[in-house]
Amino acid sequence: MSWLRANSATFGRQILSHMKFFSTLKKAIAMRLMIAALLATAGLFAPFNAFAQSVDVESTISKVDVKGLTITLADGKSYKVPEEFNFDGLQAGVKVVVFYTEVDGKRVVDDLEVVQ
């Protein structure tokens, strides 16, 4: 009789062990599915990054505002420049190519080249 009790107890522990294994396996599968869903969602939103790319325009400077950190081109549009921007050589009448990005409806200069 004791042999039977010992075997049934061992059998019971094995079943519990398998139940814990399958419970852990279910959790791992659920986590993998969640990660896959997050990656798929991130992949869907990746194309929206294309809208933030830099645009370029070639024109002549009509006004330079060093204190306001803006450059106005002949088309009448103003472009905001960073604080560390070097205004040397820039004045009205100089032809430039401005690379900019629109941020909150404002054109922010990424790069500027003087056309010879």
PDB file of N, CA and C in Angstrom:
ATOM      1  N   MET A   1       0.799  -1.183   0.000  1.00  0.00           N
ATOM      2  CA  MET A   1       0.000   0.000   0.000  1.00  0.00           C
ATOM      3  C   MET A   1       0.857   1.269   0.000  1.00  0.00           C
ATOM      4  N   SER A   2       1.935   1.232   0.755  1.00  0.00           N
ATOM      5  CA  SER A   2       2.782   2.420   0.792  1.00  0.00           C
ATOM      6  C   SER A   2       3.437   2.678  -0.567  1.00  0.00           C
ATOM      7  N   TRP A   3       3.693   1.593  -1.293  1.00  0.00           N
ATOM      8  CA  TRP A   3       4.274   1.758  -2.630  1.00  0.00           C
ATOM      9  C   TRP A   3       3.290   2.480  -3.536  1.00  0.00           C
ATOM     10  N   LEU A   4       2.031   2.159  -3.428  1.00  0.00           N
ATOM     11  CA  LEU A   4       0.988   2.776  -4.230  1.00  0.00           C
ATOM     12  C   LEU A   4       0.839   4.263  -3.878  1.00  0.00           C
ATOM     13  N   ARG A   5       0.883   4.565  -2.568  1.00  0.00           N
ATOM     14  CA  ARG A   5       0.806   5.968  -2.146  1.00  0.00           C
ATOM     15  C   ARG A   5       2.006   6.765  -2.639  1.00  0.00           C
ATOM     16  N   ALA A   6       3.168   6.171  -2.587  1.00  0.00           N
ATOM     17  CA  ALA A   6       4.381   6.844  -3.037  1.00  0.00           C
ATOM     18  C   ALA A   6       4.310   7.124  -4.534  1.00  0.00           C
ATOM     19  N   ASN A   7       3.852   6.158  -5.298  1.00  0.00           N
ATOM     20  CA  ASN A   7       3.746   6.341  -6.742  1.00  0.00           C
ATOM     21  C   ASN A   7       2.668   7.353  -7.100  1.00  0.00           C
ATOM     22  N   SER A   8       1.557   7.331  -6.402  1.00  0.00           N
ATOM     23  CA  SER A   8       0.497   8.298  -6.704  1.00  0.00           C
ATOM     24  C   SER A   8       0.923   9.710  -6.315  1.00  0.00           C
ATOM     25  N   ALA A   9       1.681   9.841  -5.238  1.00  0.00           N
ATOM     26  CA  ALA A   9       2.191  11.160  -4.857  1.00  0.00           C
ATOM     27  C   ALA A   9       3.177  11.672  -5.902  1.00  0.00           C
ATOM     28  N   THR A  10       4.050  10.787  -6.379  1.00  0.00           N
ATOM     29  CA  THR A  10       5.003  11.174  -7.421  1.00  0.00           C
ATOM     30  C   THR A  10       4.252  11.555  -8.688  1.00  0.00           C
ATOM     31  N   PHE A  11       3.246  10.765  -9.038  1.00  0.00           N
ATOM     32  CA  PHE A  11       2.443  11.046 -10.215  1.00  0.00           C
ATOM     33  C   PHE A  11       1.747  12.404 -10.085  1.00  0.00           C
ATOM     34  N   GLY A  12       1.240  12.688  -8.893  1.00  0.00           N
ATOM     35  CA  GLY A  12       0.591  13.976  -8.641  1.00  0.00           C
ATOM     36  C   GLY A  12       1.554  15.139  -8.799  1.00  0.00           C
ATOM     37  N   ARG A  13       2.781  14.977  -8.292  1.00  0.00           N
ATOM     38  CA  ARG A  13       3.792  16.038  -8.441  1.00  0.00           C
ATOM     39  C   ARG A  13       4.148  16.243  -9.911  1.00  0.00           C
ATOM     40  N   GLN A  14       4.216  15.162 -10.673  1.00  0.00           N
ATOM     41  CA  GLN A  14       4.530  15.270 -12.092  1.00  0.00           C
ATOM     42  C   GLN A  14       3.427  16.022 -12.834  1.00  0.00           C
ATOM     43  N   ILE A  15       2.193  15.721 -12.491  1.00  0.00           N
ATOM     44  CA  ILE A  15       1.074  16.432 -13.134  1.00  0.00           C
ATOM     45  C   ILE A  15       1.120  17.910 -12.793  1.00  0.00           C
ATOM     46  N   LEU A  16       1.377  18.236 -11.530  1.00  0.00           N
ATOM     47  CA  LEU A  16       1.483  19.651 -11.144  1.00  0.00           C
ATOM     48  C   LEU A  16       2.640  20.325 -11.863  1.00  0.00           C
ATOM     49  N   SER A  17       3.732  19.627 -11.993  1.00  0.00           N
ATOM     50  CA  SER A  17       4.887  20.169 -12.698  1.00  0.00           C
ATOM     51  C   SER A  17       4.535  20.468 -14.155  1.00  0.00           C
ATOM     52  N   HIS A  18       3.827  19.536 -14.805  1.00  0.00           N
ATOM     53  CA  HIS A  18       3.417  19.749 -16.187  1.00  0.00           C
ATOM     54  C   HIS A  18       2.422  20.894 -16.300  1.00  0.00           C
ATOM     55  N   MET A  19       1.536  21.025 -15.325  1.00  0.00           N
ATOM     56  CA  MET A  19       0.560  22.114 -15.347  1.00  0.00           C
ATOM     57  C   MET A  19       1.271  23.463 -15.239  1.00  0.00           C
ATOM     58  N   LYS A  20       2.295  23.538 -14.370  1.00  0.00           N
ATOM     59  CA  LYS A  20       3.069  24.773 -14.232  1.00  0.00           C
ATOM     60  C   LYS A  20       3.806  25.078 -15.528  1.00  0.00           C
ATOM     61  N   PHE A  21       4.346  24.022 -16.172  1.00  0.00           N
ATOM     62  CA  PHE A  21       5.071  24.208 -17.431  1.00  0.00           C
ATOM     63  C   PHE A  21       4.142  24.783 -18.491  1.00  0.00           C
ATOM     64  N   PHE A  22       2.930  24.213 -18.625  1.00  0.00           N
ATOM     65  CA  PHE A  22       1.999  24.691 -19.633  1.00  0.00           C
ATOM     66  C   PHE A  22       1.487  26.090 -19.314  1.00  0.00           C
ATOM     67  N   SER A  23       1.349  26.397 -18.042  1.00  0.00           N
ATOM     68  CA  SER A  23       0.953  27.741 -17.647  1.00  0.00           C
ATOM     69  C   SER A  23       2.029  28.745 -18.050  1.00  0.00           C
ATOM     70  N   THR A  24       3.285  28.392 -17.801  1.00  0.00           N
ATOM     71  CA  THR A  24       4.404  29.258 -18.187  1.00  0.00           C
ATOM     72  C   THR A  24       4.478  29.378 -19.702  1.00  0.00           C
ATOM     73  N   LEU A  25       4.242  28.279 -20.397  1.00  0.00           N
ATOM     74  CA  LEU A  25       4.266  28.282 -21.857  1.00  0.00           C
ATOM     75  C   LEU A  25       3.183  29.203 -22.420  1.00  0.00           C
ATOM     76  N   LYS A  26       1.991  29.153 -21.827  1.00  0.00           N
ATOM     77  CA  LYS A  26       0.901  30.029 -22.264  1.00  0.00           C
ATOM     78  C   LYS A  26       1.270  31.493 -22.076  1.00  0.00           C
ATOM     79  N   LYS A  27       1.905  31.802 -20.954  1.00  0.00           N
ATOM     80  CA  LYS A  27       2.321  33.183 -20.695  1.00  0.00           C
ATOM     81  C   LYS A  27       3.365  33.624 -21.706  1.00  0.00           C
ATOM     82  N   ALA A  28       4.316  32.743 -22.036  1.00  0.00           N
ATOM     83  CA  ALA A  28       5.364  33.076 -23.007  1.00  0.00           C
ATOM     84  C   ALA A  28       4.762  33.321 -24.385  1.00  0.00           C
ATOM     85  N   ILE A  29       3.804  32.499 -24.775  1.00  0.00           N
ATOM     86  CA  ILE A  29       3.147  32.677 -26.072  1.00  0.00           C
ATOM     87  C   ILE A  29       2.369  33.986 -26.096  1.00  0.00           C
ATOM     88  N   ALA A  30       1.681  34.288 -25.006  1.00  0.00           N
ATOM     89  CA  ALA A  30       0.932  35.549 -24.926  1.00  0.00           C
ATOM     90  C   ALA A  30       1.880  36.746 -25.022  1.00  0.00           C
ATOM     91  N   MET A  31       3.032  36.664 -24.377  1.00  0.00           N
ATOM     92  CA  MET A  31       3.998  37.761 -24.425  1.00  0.00           C
ATOM     93  C   MET A  31       4.544  37.929 -25.842  1.00  0.00           C
ATOM     94  N   ARG A  32       4.829  36.814 -26.506  1.00  0.00           N
ATOM     95  CA  ARG A  32       5.338  36.892 -27.886  1.00  0.00           C
ATOM     96  C   ARG A  32       4.296  37.501 -28.814  1.00  0.00           C
ATOM     97  N   LEU A  33       3.042  37.146 -28.634  1.00  0.00           N
ATOM     98  CA  LEU A  33       1.981  37.730 -29.452  1.00  0.00           C
ATOM     99  C   LEU A  33       1.847  39.232 -29.204  1.00  0.00           C
ATOM    100  N   MET A  34       1.995  39.639 -27.945  1.00  0.00           N
ATOM    101  CA  MET A  34       1.916  41.059 -27.614  1.00  0.00           C
ATOM    102  C   MET A  34       3.070  41.828 -28.259  1.00  0.00           C
ATOM    103  N   ILE A  35       4.268  41.282 -28.202  1.00  0.00           N
ATOM    104  CA  ILE A  35       5.434  41.932 -28.816  1.00  0.00           C
ATOM    105  C   ILE A  35       5.251  42.012 -30.325  1.00  0.00           C
ATOM    106  N   ALA A  36       4.746  40.944 -30.936  1.00  0.00           N
ATOM    107  CA  ALA A  36       4.501  40.952 -32.376  1.00  0.00           C
ATOM    108  C   ALA A  36       3.483  42.019 -32.751  1.00  0.00           C
ATOM    109  N   ALA A  37       2.440  42.167 -31.936  1.00  0.00           N
ATOM    110  CA  ALA A  37       1.426  43.192 -32.200  1.00  0.00           C
ATOM    111  C   ALA A  37       2.015  44.597 -32.081  1.00  0.00           C
ATOM    112  N   LEU A  38       2.855  44.807 -31.088  1.00  0.00           N
ATOM    113  CA  LEU A  38       3.500  46.118 -30.930  1.00  0.00           C
ATOM    114  C   LEU A  38       4.419  46.432 -32.107  1.00  0.00           C
ATOM    115  N   LEU A  39       5.178  45.455 -32.549  1.00  0.00           N
ATOM    116  CA  LEU A  39       6.072  45.670 -33.694  1.00  0.00           C
ATOM    117  C   LEU A  39       5.274  45.944 -34.969  1.00  0.00           C
ATOM    118  N   ALA A  40       4.171  45.244 -35.147  1.00  0.00           N
ATOM    119  CA  ALA A  40       3.330  45.480 -36.313  1.00  0.00           C
ATOM    120  C   ALA A  40       2.747  46.895 -36.284  1.00  0.00           C
ATOM    121  N   THR A  41       2.317  47.337 -35.112  1.00  0.00           N
ATOM    122  CA  THR A  41       1.785  48.699 -34.971  1.00  0.00           C
ATOM    123  C   THR A  41       2.860  49.734 -35.266  1.00  0.00           C
ATOM    124  N   ALA A  42       4.054  49.513 -34.765  1.00  0.00           N
ATOM    125  CA  ALA A  42       5.161  50.440 -35.036  1.00  0.00           C
ATOM    126  C   ALA A  42       5.467  50.477 -36.530  1.00  0.00           C
ATOM    127  N   GLY A  43       5.359  49.342 -37.179  1.00  0.00           N
ATOM    128  CA  GLY A  43       5.591  49.287 -38.622  1.00  0.00           C
ATOM    129  C   GLY A  43       4.550  50.065 -39.402  1.00  0.00           C
ATOM    130  N   LEU A  44       3.327  50.090 -38.907  1.00  0.00           N
ATOM    131  CA  LEU A  44       2.273  50.848 -39.577  1.00  0.00           C
ATOM    132  C   LEU A  44       2.519  52.348 -39.498  1.00  0.00           C
ATOM    133  N   PHE A  45       3.057  52.808 -38.375  1.00  0.00           N
ATOM    134  CA  PHE A  45       3.271  54.245 -38.193  1.00  0.00           C
ATOM    135  C   PHE A  45       4.605  54.730 -38.749  1.00  0.00           C
ATOM    136  N   ALA A  46       5.461  53.856 -39.197  1.00  0.00           N
ATOM    137  CA  ALA A  46       6.767  54.249 -39.725  1.00  0.00           C
ATOM    138  C   ALA A  46       6.671  55.176 -40.940  1.00  0.00           C
ATOM    139  N   PRO A  47       5.719  54.986 -41.853  1.00  0.00           N
ATOM    140  CA  PRO A  47       5.658  55.885 -43.014  1.00  0.00           C
ATOM    141  C   PRO A  47       5.389  57.341 -42.661  1.00  0.00           C
ATOM    142  N   PHE A  48       4.802  57.619 -41.485  1.00  0.00           N
ATOM    143  CA  PHE A  48       4.534  59.011 -41.117  1.00  0.00           C
ATOM    144  C   PHE A  48       5.811  59.801 -40.908  1.00  0.00           C
ATOM    145  N   ASN A  49       6.928  59.119 -40.727  1.00  0.00           N
ATOM    146  CA  ASN A  49       8.202  59.801 -40.575  1.00  0.00           C
ATOM    147  C   ASN A  49       8.600  60.509 -41.866  1.00  0.00           C
ATOM    148  N   ALA A  50       8.115  60.057 -42.999  1.00  0.00           N
ATOM    149  CA  ALA A  50       8.477  60.651 -44.279  1.00  0.00           C
ATOM    150  C   ALA A  50       8.003  62.097 -44.382  1.00  0.00           C
ATOM    151  N   PHE A  51       6.951  62.459 -43.647  1.00  0.00           N
ATOM    152  CA  PHE A  51       6.438  63.815 -43.727  1.00  0.00           C
ATOM    153  C   PHE A  51       7.348  64.829 -43.040  1.00  0.00           C
ATOM    154  N   ALA A  52       8.267  64.382 -42.212  1.00  0.00           N
ATOM    155  CA  ALA A  52       9.137  65.298 -41.483  1.00  0.00           C
ATOM    156  C   ALA A  52      10.472  65.507 -42.188  1.00  0.00           C
ATOM    157  N   GLN A  53      10.582  65.093 -43.438  1.00  0.00           N
ATOM    158  CA  GLN A  53      11.844  65.221 -44.146  1.00  0.00           C
ATOM    159  C   GLN A  53      12.083  66.655 -44.579  1.00  0.00           C
ATOM    160  N   SER A  54      13.332  66.957 -44.810  1.00  0.00           N
ATOM    161  CA  SER A  54      13.754  68.289 -45.193  1.00  0.00           C
ATOM    162  C   SER A  54      13.347  68.608 -46.637  1.00  0.00           C
ATOM    163  N   VAL A  55      12.959  69.863 -46.853  1.00  0.00           N
ATOM    164  CA  VAL A  55      12.587  70.369 -48.169  1.00  0.00           C
ATOM    165  C   VAL A  55      13.580  71.460 -48.518  1.00  0.00           C
ATOM    166  N   ASP A  56      13.843  71.653 -49.815  1.00  0.00           N
ATOM    167  CA  ASP A  56      14.766  72.725 -50.179  1.00  0.00           C
ATOM    168  C   ASP A  56      14.086  73.716 -51.117  1.00  0.00           C
ATOM    169  N   VAL A  57      14.548  74.952 -51.046  1.00  0.00           N
ATOM    170  CA  VAL A  57      14.044  76.015 -51.912  1.00  0.00           C
ATOM    171  C   VAL A  57      15.230  76.898 -52.306  1.00  0.00           C
ATOM    172  N   GLU A  58      15.258  77.303 -53.576  1.00  0.00           N
ATOM    173  CA  GLU A  58      16.314  78.200 -54.065  1.00  0.00           C
ATOM    174  C   GLU A  58      15.687  79.550 -54.357  1.00  0.00           C
ATOM    175  N   SER A  59      16.248  80.591 -53.743  1.00  0.00           N
ATOM    176  CA  SER A  59      15.688  81.925 -53.894  1.00  0.00           C
ATOM    177  C   SER A  59      16.732  82.965 -53.492  1.00  0.00           C
ATOM    178  N   THR A  60      16.333  84.212 -53.538  1.00  0.00           N
ATOM    179  CA  THR A  60      17.201  85.330 -53.153  1.00  0.00           C
ATOM    180  C   THR A  60      16.730  85.884 -51.816  1.00  0.00           C
ATOM    181  N   ILE A  61      17.683  86.208 -50.955  1.00  0.00           N
ATOM    182  CA  ILE A  61      17.347  86.779 -49.647  1.00  0.00           C
ATOM    183  C   ILE A  61      16.821  88.195 -49.845  1.00  0.00           C
ATOM    184  N   SER A  62      15.675  88.500 -49.224  1.00  0.00           N
ATOM    185  CA  SER A  62      15.148  89.862 -49.276  1.00  0.00           C
ATOM    186  C   SER A  62      15.354  90.592 -47.956  1.00  0.00           C
ATOM    187  N   LYS A  63      15.470  89.829 -46.837  1.00  0.00           N
ATOM    188  CA  LYS A  63      15.648  90.467 -45.533  1.00  0.00           C
ATOM    189  C   LYS A  63      16.323  89.484 -44.587  1.00  0.00           C
ATOM    190  N   VAL A  64      17.265  90.015 -43.781  1.00  0.00           N
ATOM    191  CA  VAL A  64      17.933  89.220 -42.756  1.00  0.00           C
ATOM    192  C   VAL A  64      17.667  89.883 -41.409  1.00  0.00           C
ATOM    193  N   ASP A  65      17.098  89.142 -40.467  1.00  0.00           N
ATOM    194  CA  ASP A  65      16.819  89.656 -39.126  1.00  0.00           C
ATOM    195  C   ASP A  65      17.671  88.858 -38.133  1.00  0.00           C
ATOM    196  N   VAL A  66      18.832  89.434 -37.772  1.00  0.00           N
ATOM    197  CA  VAL A  66      19.772  88.737 -36.894  1.00  0.00           C
ATOM    198  C   VAL A  66      19.185  88.581 -35.492  1.00  0.00           C
ATOM    199  N   LYS A  67      18.529  89.628 -34.966  1.00  0.00           N
ATOM    200  CA  LYS A  67      17.958  89.558 -33.619  1.00  0.00           C
ATOM    201  C   LYS A  67      16.765  88.598 -33.558  1.00  0.00           C
ATOM    202  N   GLY A  68      15.937  88.585 -34.594  1.00  0.00           N
ATOM    203  CA  GLY A  68      14.771  87.708 -34.627  1.00  0.00           C
ATOM    204  C   GLY A  68      15.098  86.308 -35.120  1.00  0.00           C
ATOM    205  N   LEU A  69      16.354  86.104 -35.529  1.00  0.00           N
ATOM    206  CA  LEU A  69      16.825  84.814 -36.036  1.00  0.00           C
ATOM    207  C   LEU A  69      15.972  84.301 -37.192  1.00  0.00           C
ATOM    208  N   THR A  70      15.664  85.210 -38.154  1.00  0.00           N
ATOM    209  CA  THR A  70      14.897  84.816 -39.323  1.00  0.00           C
ATOM    210  C   THR A  70      15.541  85.345 -40.602  1.00  0.00           C
ATOM    211  N   ILE A  71      15.270  84.625 -41.671  1.00  0.00           N
ATOM    212  CA  ILE A  71      15.678  85.048 -43.012  1.00  0.00           C
ATOM    213  C   ILE A  71      14.415  85.036 -43.857  1.00  0.00           C
ATOM    214  N   THR A  72      14.161  86.133 -44.573  1.00  0.00           N
ATOM    215  CA  THR A  72      13.012  86.216 -45.465  1.00  0.00           C
ATOM    216  C   THR A  72      13.524  86.159 -46.890  1.00  0.00           C
ATOM    217  N   LEU A  73      12.924  85.306 -47.698  1.00  0.00           N
ATOM    218  CA  LEU A  73      13.343  85.163 -49.088  1.00  0.00           C
ATOM    219  C   LEU A  73      12.454  85.984 -49.999  1.00  0.00           C
ATOM    220  N   ALA A  74      12.810  86.029 -51.281  1.00  0.00           N
ATOM    221  CA  ALA A  74      12.089  86.847 -52.260  1.00  0.00           C
ATOM    222  C   ALA A  74      10.632  86.417 -52.416  1.00  0.00           C
ATOM    223  N   ASP A  75      10.329  85.174 -52.093  1.00  0.00           N
ATOM    224  CA  ASP A  75       8.939  84.708 -52.201  1.00  0.00           C
ATOM    225  C   ASP A  75       8.079  85.186 -51.027  1.00  0.00           C
ATOM    226  N   GLY A  76       8.703  85.915 -50.065  1.00  0.00           N
ATOM    227  CA  GLY A  76       7.977  86.469 -48.935  1.00  0.00           C
ATOM    228  C   GLY A  76       7.867  85.550 -47.729  1.00  0.00           C
ATOM    229  N   LYS A  77       8.381  84.346 -47.831  1.00  0.00           N
ATOM    230  CA  LYS A  77       8.301  83.396 -46.717  1.00  0.00           C
ATOM    231  C   LYS A  77       9.499  83.555 -45.795  1.00  0.00           C
ATOM    232  N   SER A  78       9.232  83.467 -44.493  1.00  0.00           N
ATOM    233  CA  SER A  78      10.281  83.600 -43.475  1.00  0.00           C
ATOM    234  C   SER A  78      10.735  82.225 -43.011  1.00  0.00           C
ATOM    235  N   TYR A  79      12.015  82.135 -42.679  1.00  0.00           N
ATOM    236  CA  TYR A  79      12.618  80.881 -42.236  1.00  0.00           C
ATOM    237  C   TYR A  79      13.363  81.135 -40.934  1.00  0.00           C
ATOM    238  N   LYS A  80      13.045  80.370 -39.915  1.00  0.00           N
ATOM    239  CA  LYS A  80      13.670  80.485 -38.590  1.00  0.00           C
ATOM    240  C   LYS A  80      15.004  79.741 -38.629  1.00  0.00           C
ATOM    241  N   VAL A  81      16.048  80.366 -38.060  1.00  0.00           N
ATOM    242  CA  VAL A  81      17.372  79.734 -38.002  1.00  0.00           C
ATOM    243  C   VAL A  81      17.741  79.466 -36.541  1.00  0.00           C
ATOM    244  N   PRO A  82      18.615  78.473 -36.290  1.00  0.00           N
ATOM    245  CA  PRO A  82      19.028  78.190 -34.913  1.00  0.00           C
ATOM    246  C   PRO A  82      19.851  79.325 -34.320  1.00  0.00           C
ATOM    247  N   GLU A  83      19.939  79.359 -33.003  1.00  0.00           N
ATOM    248  CA  GLU A  83      20.658  80.434 -32.313  1.00  0.00           C
ATOM    249  C   GLU A  83      22.136  80.487 -32.688  1.00  0.00           C
ATOM    250  N   GLU A  84      22.750  79.345 -32.966  1.00  0.00           N
ATOM    251  CA  GLU A  84      24.176  79.320 -33.286  1.00  0.00           C
ATOM    252  C   GLU A  84      24.451  79.576 -34.769  1.00  0.00           C
ATOM    253  N   PHE A  85      23.442  80.022 -35.523  1.00  0.00           N
ATOM    254  CA  PHE A  85      23.569  80.238 -36.961  1.00  0.00           C
ATOM    255  C   PHE A  85      24.540  81.384 -37.250  1.00  0.00           C
ATOM    256  N   ASN A  86      25.376  81.203 -38.260  1.00  0.00           N
ATOM    257  CA  ASN A  86      26.372  82.200 -38.659  1.00  0.00           C
ATOM    258  C   ASN A  86      25.807  83.022 -39.828  1.00  0.00           C
ATOM    259  N   PHE A  87      25.556  84.315 -39.577  1.00  0.00           N
ATOM    260  CA  PHE A  87      24.973  85.193 -40.585  1.00  0.00           C
ATOM    261  C   PHE A  87      26.026  85.852 -41.475  1.00  0.00           C
ATOM    262  N   ASP A  88      27.296  85.533 -41.300  1.00  0.00           N
ATOM    263  CA  ASP A  88      28.363  86.166 -42.093  1.00  0.00           C
ATOM    264  C   ASP A  88      28.138  85.934 -43.583  1.00  0.00           C
ATOM    265  N   GLY A  89      28.163  87.000 -44.349  1.00  0.00           N
ATOM    266  CA  GLY A  89      28.005  86.922 -45.797  1.00  0.00           C
ATOM    267  C   GLY A  89      26.570  86.885 -46.271  1.00  0.00           C
ATOM    268  N   LEU A  90      25.638  86.862 -45.346  1.00  0.00           N
ATOM    269  CA  LEU A  90      24.226  86.838 -45.744  1.00  0.00           C
ATOM    270  C   LEU A  90      23.642  88.232 -45.647  1.00  0.00           C
ATOM    271  N   GLN A  91      23.124  88.701 -46.765  1.00  0.00           N
ATOM    272  CA  GLN A  91      22.479  90.009 -46.820  1.00  0.00           C
ATOM    273  C   GLN A  91      21.458  89.988 -47.943  1.00  0.00           C
ATOM    274  N   ALA A  92      20.656  91.032 -48.037  1.00  0.00           N
ATOM    275  CA  ALA A  92      19.642  91.097 -49.082  1.00  0.00           C
ATOM    276  C   ALA A  92      20.303  91.039 -50.445  1.00  0.00           C
ATOM    277  N   GLY A  93      19.723  90.246 -51.351  1.00  0.00           N
ATOM    278  CA  GLY A  93      20.252  90.127 -52.708  1.00  0.00           C
ATOM    279  C   GLY A  93      21.121  88.901 -52.938  1.00  0.00           C
ATOM    280  N   VAL A  94      21.502  88.183 -51.888  1.00  0.00           N
ATOM    281  CA  VAL A  94      22.334  86.987 -52.026  1.00  0.00           C
ATOM    282  C   VAL A  94      21.427  85.805 -52.372  1.00  0.00           C
ATOM    283  N   LYS A  95      21.844  85.042 -53.408  1.00  0.00           N
ATOM    284  CA  LYS A  95      21.064  83.876 -53.818  1.00  0.00           C
ATOM    285  C   LYS A  95      21.482  82.679 -52.979  1.00  0.00           C
ATOM    286  N   VAL A  96      20.486  81.952 -52.418  1.00  0.00           N
ATOM    287  CA  VAL A  96      20.768  80.831 -51.510  1.00  0.00           C
ATOM    288  C   VAL A  96      19.860  79.640 -51.820  1.00  0.00           C
ATOM    289  N   VAL A  97      20.298  78.486 -51.343  1.00  0.00           N
ATOM    290  CA  VAL A  97      19.452  77.297 -51.299  1.00  0.00           C
ATOM    291  C   VAL A  97      19.233  77.005 -49.825  1.00  0.00           C
ATOM    292  N   VAL A  98      17.967  76.999 -49.412  1.00  0.00           N
ATOM    293  CA  VAL A  98      17.622  76.778 -48.008  1.00  0.00           C
ATOM    294  C   VAL A  98      16.990  75.389 -47.877  1.00  0.00           C
ATOM    295  N   PHE A  99      17.545  74.573 -46.988  1.00  0.00           N
ATOM    296  CA  PHE A  99      16.973  73.272 -46.652  1.00  0.00           C
ATOM    297  C   PHE A  99      16.259  73.446 -45.312  1.00  0.00           C
ATOM    298  N   TYR A 100      14.972  73.161 -45.288  1.00  0.00           N
ATOM    299  CA  TYR A 100      14.195  73.424 -44.068  1.00  0.00           C
ATOM    300  C   TYR A 100      13.217  72.292 -43.788  1.00  0.00           C
ATOM    301  N   THR A 101      12.737  72.286 -42.544  1.00  0.00           N
ATOM    302  CA  THR A 101      11.704  71.361 -42.096  1.00  0.00           C
ATOM    303  C   THR A 101      10.606  72.188 -41.449  1.00  0.00           C
ATOM    304  N   GLU A 102       9.350  71.832 -41.709  1.00  0.00           N
ATOM    305  CA  GLU A 102       8.247  72.551 -41.065  1.00  0.00           C
ATOM    306  C   GLU A 102       7.979  71.953 -39.699  1.00  0.00           C
ATOM    307  N   VAL A 103       8.052  72.804 -38.666  1.00  0.00           N
ATOM    308  CA  VAL A 103       7.800  72.389 -37.287  1.00  0.00           C
ATOM    309  C   VAL A 103       6.755  73.337 -36.713  1.00  0.00           C
ATOM    310  N   ASP A 104       5.611  72.794 -36.347  1.00  0.00           N
ATOM    311  CA  ASP A 104       4.498  73.581 -35.798  1.00  0.00           C
ATOM    312  C   ASP A 104       4.121  74.741 -36.710  1.00  0.00           C
ATOM    313  N   GLY A 105       4.115  74.487 -38.011  1.00  0.00           N
ATOM    314  CA  GLY A 105       3.725  75.502 -38.980  1.00  0.00           C
ATOM    315  C   GLY A 105       4.800  76.521 -39.305  1.00  0.00           C
ATOM    316  N   LYS A 106       5.988  76.401 -38.710  1.00  0.00           N
ATOM    317  CA  LYS A 106       7.092  77.334 -38.980  1.00  0.00           C
ATOM    318  C   LYS A 106       8.168  76.613 -39.765  1.00  0.00           C
ATOM    319  N   ARG A 107       8.791  77.318 -40.685  1.00  0.00           N
ATOM    320  CA  ARG A 107       9.894  76.742 -41.460  1.00  0.00           C
ATOM    321  C   ARG A 107      11.191  76.940 -40.687  1.00  0.00           C
ATOM    322  N   VAL A 108      11.828  75.825 -40.316  1.00  0.00           N
ATOM    323  CA  VAL A 108      13.064  75.859 -39.536  1.00  0.00           C
ATOM    324  C   VAL A 108      14.209  75.414 -40.443  1.00  0.00           C
ATOM    325  N   VAL A 109      15.236  76.252 -40.551  1.00  0.00           N
ATOM    326  CA  VAL A 109      16.359  75.989 -41.458  1.00  0.00           C
ATOM    327  C   VAL A 109      17.225  74.855 -40.888  1.00  0.00           C
ATOM    328  N   ASP A 110      17.439  73.827 -41.731  1.00  0.00           N
ATOM    329  CA  ASP A 110      18.359  72.741 -41.387  1.00  0.00           C
ATOM    330  C   ASP A 110      19.754  73.035 -41.925  1.00  0.00           C
ATOM    331  N   ASP A 111      19.798  73.622 -43.130  1.00  0.00           N
ATOM    332  CA  ASP A 111      21.074  73.931 -43.781  1.00  0.00           C
ATOM    333  C   ASP A 111      20.828  75.053 -44.786  1.00  0.00           C
ATOM    334  N   LEU A 112      21.859  75.803 -45.078  1.00  0.00           N
ATOM    335  CA  LEU A 112      21.754  76.904 -46.024  1.00  0.00           C
ATOM    336  C   LEU A 112      23.048  76.956 -46.838  1.00  0.00           C
ATOM    337  N   GLU A 113      22.925  77.066 -48.171  1.00  0.00           N
ATOM    338  CA  GLU A 113      24.097  77.168 -49.039  1.00  0.00           C
ATOM    339  C   GLU A 113      23.964  78.416 -49.889  1.00  0.00           C
ATOM    340  N   VAL A 114      25.054  79.149 -50.000  1.00  0.00           N
ATOM    341  CA  VAL A 114      25.079  80.328 -50.861  1.00  0.00           C
ATOM    342  C   VAL A 114      25.386  79.849 -52.269  1.00  0.00           C
ATOM    343  N   VAL A 115      24.565  80.304 -53.246  1.00  0.00           N
ATOM    344  CA  VAL A 115      24.759  79.930 -54.649  1.00  0.00           C
ATOM    345  C   VAL A 115      25.663  80.963 -55.292  1.00  0.00           C
ATOM    346  N   GLN A 116      26.714  80.509 -55.934  1.00  0.00           N
ATOM    347  CA  GLN A 116      27.683  81.421 -56.581  1.00  0.00           C
ATOM    348  C   GLN A 116      27.200  81.888 -57.937  1.00  0.00           C
TER     349      GLN A 116
END
